[in-house]
Amino acid sequence: MEYNERIERIEEIIGEINSGNVDPVEIMKKIEEAKKLLKECEKQLKQLTIDN
């Protein structure tokens, strides 16, 4: 998954949670998914700064 795709998915997760149509158990799963994606984005950004 590319950086922009990760960011888009994170935005989708935020929208789903904000919609109020998500079971509380699912909210925790979605937050964990978003956290994982954020860590992947962070790792990719750090690699870009090292490469430059």
PDB file of N, CA and C in Angstrom:
ATOM      1  N   MET A   1       0.856  -1.174   0.000  1.00  0.00           N
ATOM      2  CA  MET A   1       0.000   0.000   0.000  1.00  0.00           C
ATOM      3  C   MET A   1       0.903   1.238   0.000  1.00  0.00           C
ATOM      4  N   GLU A   2       0.592   2.175  -0.856  1.00  0.00           N
ATOM      5  CA  GLU A   2       1.360   3.404  -0.955  1.00  0.00           C
ATOM      6  C   GLU A   2       0.975   4.384   0.162  1.00  0.00           C
ATOM      7  N   TYR A   3       1.841   5.364   0.365  1.00  0.00           N
ATOM      8  CA  TYR A   3       1.634   6.367   1.410  1.00  0.00           C
ATOM      9  C   TYR A   3       0.261   7.031   1.286  1.00  0.00           C
ATOM     10  N   ASN A   4      -0.068   7.502   0.080  1.00  0.00           N
ATOM     11  CA  ASN A   4      -1.342   8.202  -0.121  1.00  0.00           C
ATOM     12  C   ASN A   4      -2.538   7.291   0.144  1.00  0.00           C
ATOM     13  N   GLU A   5      -2.412   6.019  -0.201  1.00  0.00           N
ATOM     14  CA  GLU A   5      -3.486   5.060   0.062  1.00  0.00           C
ATOM     15  C   GLU A   5      -3.680   4.870   1.570  1.00  0.00           C
ATOM     16  N   ARG A   6      -2.567   4.846   2.293  1.00  0.00           N
ATOM     17  CA  ARG A   6      -2.658   4.721   3.758  1.00  0.00           C
ATOM     18  C   ARG A   6      -3.379   5.930   4.355  1.00  0.00           C
ATOM     19  N   ILE A   7      -2.987   7.110   3.898  1.00  0.00           N
ATOM     20  CA  ILE A   7      -3.619   8.342   4.399  1.00  0.00           C
ATOM     21  C   ILE A   7      -5.106   8.355   4.074  1.00  0.00           C
ATOM     22  N   GLU A   8      -5.465   7.950   2.861  1.00  0.00           N
ATOM     23  CA  GLU A   8      -6.879   7.895   2.481  1.00  0.00           C
ATOM     24  C   GLU A   8      -7.645   6.919   3.378  1.00  0.00           C
ATOM     25  N   ARG A   9      -7.035   5.773   3.671  1.00  0.00           N
ATOM     26  CA  ARG A   9      -7.701   4.779   4.531  1.00  0.00           C
ATOM     27  C   ARG A   9      -7.872   5.339   5.940  1.00  0.00           C
ATOM     28  N   ILE A  10      -6.869   6.039   6.441  1.00  0.00           N
ATOM     29  CA  ILE A  10      -6.971   6.658   7.767  1.00  0.00           C
ATOM     30  C   ILE A  10      -8.123   7.657   7.768  1.00  0.00           C
ATOM     31  N   GLU A  11      -8.244   8.449   6.719  1.00  0.00           N
ATOM     32  CA  GLU A  11      -9.342   9.416   6.623  1.00  0.00           C
ATOM     33  C   GLU A  11     -10.698   8.698   6.576  1.00  0.00           C
ATOM     34  N   GLU A  12     -10.756   7.572   5.872  1.00  0.00           N
ATOM     35  CA  GLU A  12     -11.992   6.783   5.831  1.00  0.00           C
ATOM     36  C   GLU A  12     -12.354   6.280   7.224  1.00  0.00           C
ATOM     37  N   ILE A  13     -11.368   5.793   7.942  1.00  0.00           N
ATOM     38  CA  ILE A  13     -11.606   5.290   9.300  1.00  0.00           C
ATOM     39  C   ILE A  13     -12.146   6.399  10.188  1.00  0.00           C
ATOM     40  N   ILE A  14     -11.527   7.563  10.109  1.00  0.00           N
ATOM     41  CA  ILE A  14     -11.995   8.701  10.912  1.00  0.00           C
ATOM     42  C   ILE A  14     -13.439   9.038  10.553  1.00  0.00           C
ATOM     43  N   GLY A  15     -13.752   9.048   9.261  1.00  0.00           N
ATOM     44  CA  GLY A  15     -15.122   9.325   8.822  1.00  0.00           C
ATOM     45  C   GLY A  15     -16.114   8.296   9.327  1.00  0.00           C
ATOM     46  N   GLU A  16     -15.720   7.022   9.280  1.00  0.00           N
ATOM     47  CA  GLU A  16     -16.599   5.959   9.771  1.00  0.00           C
ATOM     48  C   GLU A  16     -16.875   6.127  11.264  1.00  0.00           C
ATOM     49  N   ILE A  17     -15.831   6.406  12.018  1.00  0.00           N
ATOM     50  CA  ILE A  17     -15.999   6.586  13.468  1.00  0.00           C
ATOM     51  C   ILE A  17     -16.861   7.806  13.751  1.00  0.00           C
ATOM     52  N   ASN A  18     -16.595   8.900  13.043  1.00  0.00           N
ATOM     53  CA  ASN A  18     -17.362  10.129  13.262  1.00  0.00           C
ATOM     54  C   ASN A  18     -18.821  10.006  12.835  1.00  0.00           C
ATOM     55  N   SER A  19     -19.115   9.051  11.960  1.00  0.00           N
ATOM     56  CA  SER A  19     -20.493   8.886  11.493  1.00  0.00           C
ATOM     57  C   SER A  19     -21.412   8.403  12.617  1.00  0.00           C
ATOM     58  N   GLY A  20     -20.827   7.746  13.603  1.00  0.00           N
ATOM     59  CA  GLY A  20     -21.635   7.221  14.711  1.00  0.00           C
ATOM     60  C   GLY A  20     -22.311   5.904  14.377  1.00  0.00           C
ATOM     61  N   ASN A  21     -22.042   5.372  13.196  1.00  0.00           N
ATOM     62  CA  ASN A  21     -22.675   4.126  12.772  1.00  0.00           C
ATOM     63  C   ASN A  21     -21.765   2.914  12.960  1.00  0.00           C
ATOM     64  N   VAL A  22     -20.852   3.001  13.912  1.00  0.00           N
ATOM     65  CA  VAL A  22     -19.890   1.932  14.126  1.00  0.00           C
ATOM     66  C   VAL A  22     -20.064   1.372  15.538  1.00  0.00           C
ATOM     67  N   ASP A  23     -20.138   0.065  15.613  1.00  0.00           N
ATOM     68  CA  ASP A  23     -20.213  -0.635  16.893  1.00  0.00           C
ATOM     69  C   ASP A  23     -18.963  -0.284  17.711  1.00  0.00           C
ATOM     70  N   PRO A  24     -19.109  -0.024  19.012  1.00  0.00           N
ATOM     71  CA  PRO A  24     -17.950   0.328  19.848  1.00  0.00           C
ATOM     72  C   PRO A  24     -16.794  -0.667  19.757  1.00  0.00           C
ATOM     73  N   VAL A  25     -17.092  -1.948  19.624  1.00  0.00           N
ATOM     74  CA  VAL A  25     -16.028  -2.939  19.478  1.00  0.00           C
ATOM     75  C   VAL A  25     -15.276  -2.707  18.176  1.00  0.00           C
ATOM     76  N   GLU A  26     -16.002  -2.370  17.130  1.00  0.00           N
ATOM     77  CA  GLU A  26     -15.388  -2.097  15.837  1.00  0.00           C
ATOM     78  C   GLU A  26     -14.553  -0.819  15.869  1.00  0.00           C
ATOM     79  N   ILE A  27     -14.969   0.136  16.695  1.00  0.00           N
ATOM     80  CA  ILE A  27     -14.201   1.380  16.807  1.00  0.00           C
ATOM     81  C   ILE A  27     -12.782   1.071  17.259  1.00  0.00           C
ATOM     82  N   MET A  28     -12.635   0.208  18.243  1.00  0.00           N
ATOM     83  CA  MET A  28     -11.304  -0.143  18.732  1.00  0.00           C
ATOM     84  C   MET A  28     -10.479  -0.821  17.642  1.00  0.00           C
ATOM     85  N   LYS A  29     -11.101  -1.686  16.869  1.00  0.00           N
ATOM     86  CA  LYS A  29     -10.397  -2.349  15.771  1.00  0.00           C
ATOM     87  C   LYS A  29      -9.961  -1.333  14.724  1.00  0.00           C
ATOM     88  N   LYS A  30     -10.840  -0.388  14.429  1.00  0.00           N
ATOM     89  CA  LYS A  30     -10.525   0.628  13.428  1.00  0.00           C
ATOM     90  C   LYS A  30      -9.401   1.543  13.917  1.00  0.00           C
ATOM     91  N   ILE A  31      -9.418   1.872  15.195  1.00  0.00           N
ATOM     92  CA  ILE A  31      -8.353   2.699  15.760  1.00  0.00           C
ATOM     93  C   ILE A  31      -7.020   1.966  15.671  1.00  0.00           C
ATOM     94  N   GLU A  32      -7.017   0.688  15.970  1.00  0.00           N
ATOM     95  CA  GLU A  32      -5.790  -0.101  15.866  1.00  0.00           C
ATOM     96  C   GLU A  32      -5.287  -0.138  14.422  1.00  0.00           C
ATOM     97  N   GLU A  33      -6.211  -0.293  13.477  1.00  0.00           N
ATOM     98  CA  GLU A  33      -5.823  -0.285  12.060  1.00  0.00           C
ATOM     99  C   GLU A  33      -5.209   1.058  11.687  1.00  0.00           C
ATOM    100  N   ALA A  34      -5.841   2.148  12.131  1.00  0.00           N
ATOM    101  CA  ALA A  34      -5.337   3.484  11.820  1.00  0.00           C
ATOM    102  C   ALA A  34      -3.965   3.708  12.446  1.00  0.00           C
ATOM    103  N   LYS A  35      -3.776   3.254  13.666  1.00  0.00           N
ATOM    104  CA  LYS A  35      -2.483   3.397  14.328  1.00  0.00           C
ATOM    105  C   LYS A  35      -1.395   2.647  13.557  1.00  0.00           C
ATOM    106  N   LYS A  36      -1.718   1.458  13.084  1.00  0.00           N
ATOM    107  CA  LYS A  36      -0.765   0.661  12.307  1.00  0.00           C
ATOM    108  C   LYS A  36      -0.397   1.406  11.023  1.00  0.00           C
ATOM    109  N   LEU A  37      -1.397   1.944  10.353  1.00  0.00           N
ATOM    110  CA  LEU A  37      -1.146   2.691   9.118  1.00  0.00           C
ATOM    111  C   LEU A  37      -0.304   3.934   9.376  1.00  0.00           C
ATOM    112  N   LEU A  38      -0.569   4.624  10.486  1.00  0.00           N
ATOM    113  CA  LEU A  38       0.215   5.805  10.832  1.00  0.00           C
ATOM    114  C   LEU A  38       1.672   5.445  11.081  1.00  0.00           C
ATOM    115  N   LYS A  39       1.901   4.339  11.762  1.00  0.00           N
ATOM    116  CA  LYS A  39       3.273   3.893  12.009  1.00  0.00           C
ATOM    117  C   LYS A  39       3.986   3.571  10.698  1.00  0.00           C
ATOM    118  N   GLU A  40       3.265   2.956   9.768  1.00  0.00           N
ATOM    119  CA  GLU A  40       3.853   2.659   8.463  1.00  0.00           C
ATOM    120  C   GLU A  40       4.195   3.947   7.716  1.00  0.00           C
ATOM    121  N   CYS A  41       3.317   4.946   7.804  1.00  0.00           N
ATOM    122  CA  CYS A  41       3.577   6.235   7.164  1.00  0.00           C
ATOM    123  C   CYS A  41       4.795   6.903   7.800  1.00  0.00           C
ATOM    124  N   GLU A  42       4.860   6.858   9.108  1.00  0.00           N
ATOM    125  CA  GLU A  42       5.989   7.449   9.823  1.00  0.00           C
ATOM    126  C   GLU A  42       7.298   6.787   9.393  1.00  0.00           C
ATOM    127  N   LYS A  43       7.302   5.480   9.314  1.00  0.00           N
ATOM    128  CA  LYS A  43       8.494   4.740   8.901  1.00  0.00           C
ATOM    129  C   LYS A  43       8.915   5.146   7.489  1.00  0.00           C
ATOM    130  N   GLN A  44       7.946   5.255   6.598  1.00  0.00           N
ATOM    131  CA  GLN A  44       8.239   5.647   5.229  1.00  0.00           C
ATOM    132  C   GLN A  44       8.793   7.062   5.163  1.00  0.00           C
ATOM    133  N   LEU A  45       8.222   7.986   5.933  1.00  0.00           N
ATOM    134  CA  LEU A  45       8.717   9.368   5.930  1.00  0.00           C
ATOM    135  C   LEU A  45      10.126   9.449   6.489  1.00  0.00           C
ATOM    136  N   LYS A  46      10.393   8.684   7.533  1.00  0.00           N
ATOM    137  CA  LYS A  46      11.756   8.683   8.102  1.00  0.00           C
ATOM    138  C   LYS A  46      12.747   8.165   7.076  1.00  0.00           C
ATOM    139  N   GLN A  47      12.349   7.144   6.335  1.00  0.00           N
ATOM    140  CA  GLN A  47      13.239   6.587   5.307  1.00  0.00           C
ATOM    141  C   GLN A  47      13.525   7.623   4.231  1.00  0.00           C
ATOM    142  N   LEU A  48      12.529   8.416   3.876  1.00  0.00           N
ATOM    143  CA  LEU A  48      12.735   9.459   2.867  1.00  0.00           C
ATOM    144  C   LEU A  48      13.755  10.495   3.347  1.00  0.00           C
ATOM    145  N   THR A  49      13.692  10.854   4.618  1.00  0.00           N
ATOM    146  CA  THR A  49      14.633  11.848   5.134  1.00  0.00           C
ATOM    147  C   THR A  49      16.044  11.278   5.207  1.00  0.00           C
ATOM    148  N   ILE A  50      16.158   9.988   5.465  1.00  0.00           N
ATOM    149  CA  ILE A  50      17.474   9.348   5.506  1.00  0.00           C
ATOM    150  C   ILE A  50      18.064   9.284   4.104  1.00  0.00           C
ATOM    151  N   ASP A  51      17.228   8.967   3.126  1.00  0.00           N
ATOM    152  CA  ASP A  51      17.686   8.823   1.750  1.00  0.00           C
ATOM    153  C   ASP A  51      18.110  10.157   1.131  1.00  0.00           C
ATOM    154  N   ASN A  52      17.554  11.238   1.644  1.00  0.00           N
ATOM    155  CA  ASN A  52      17.888  12.566   1.066  1.00  0.00           C
ATOM    156  C   ASN A  52      19.004  13.132   1.812  1.00  0.00           C
TER     157      ASN A  52
END
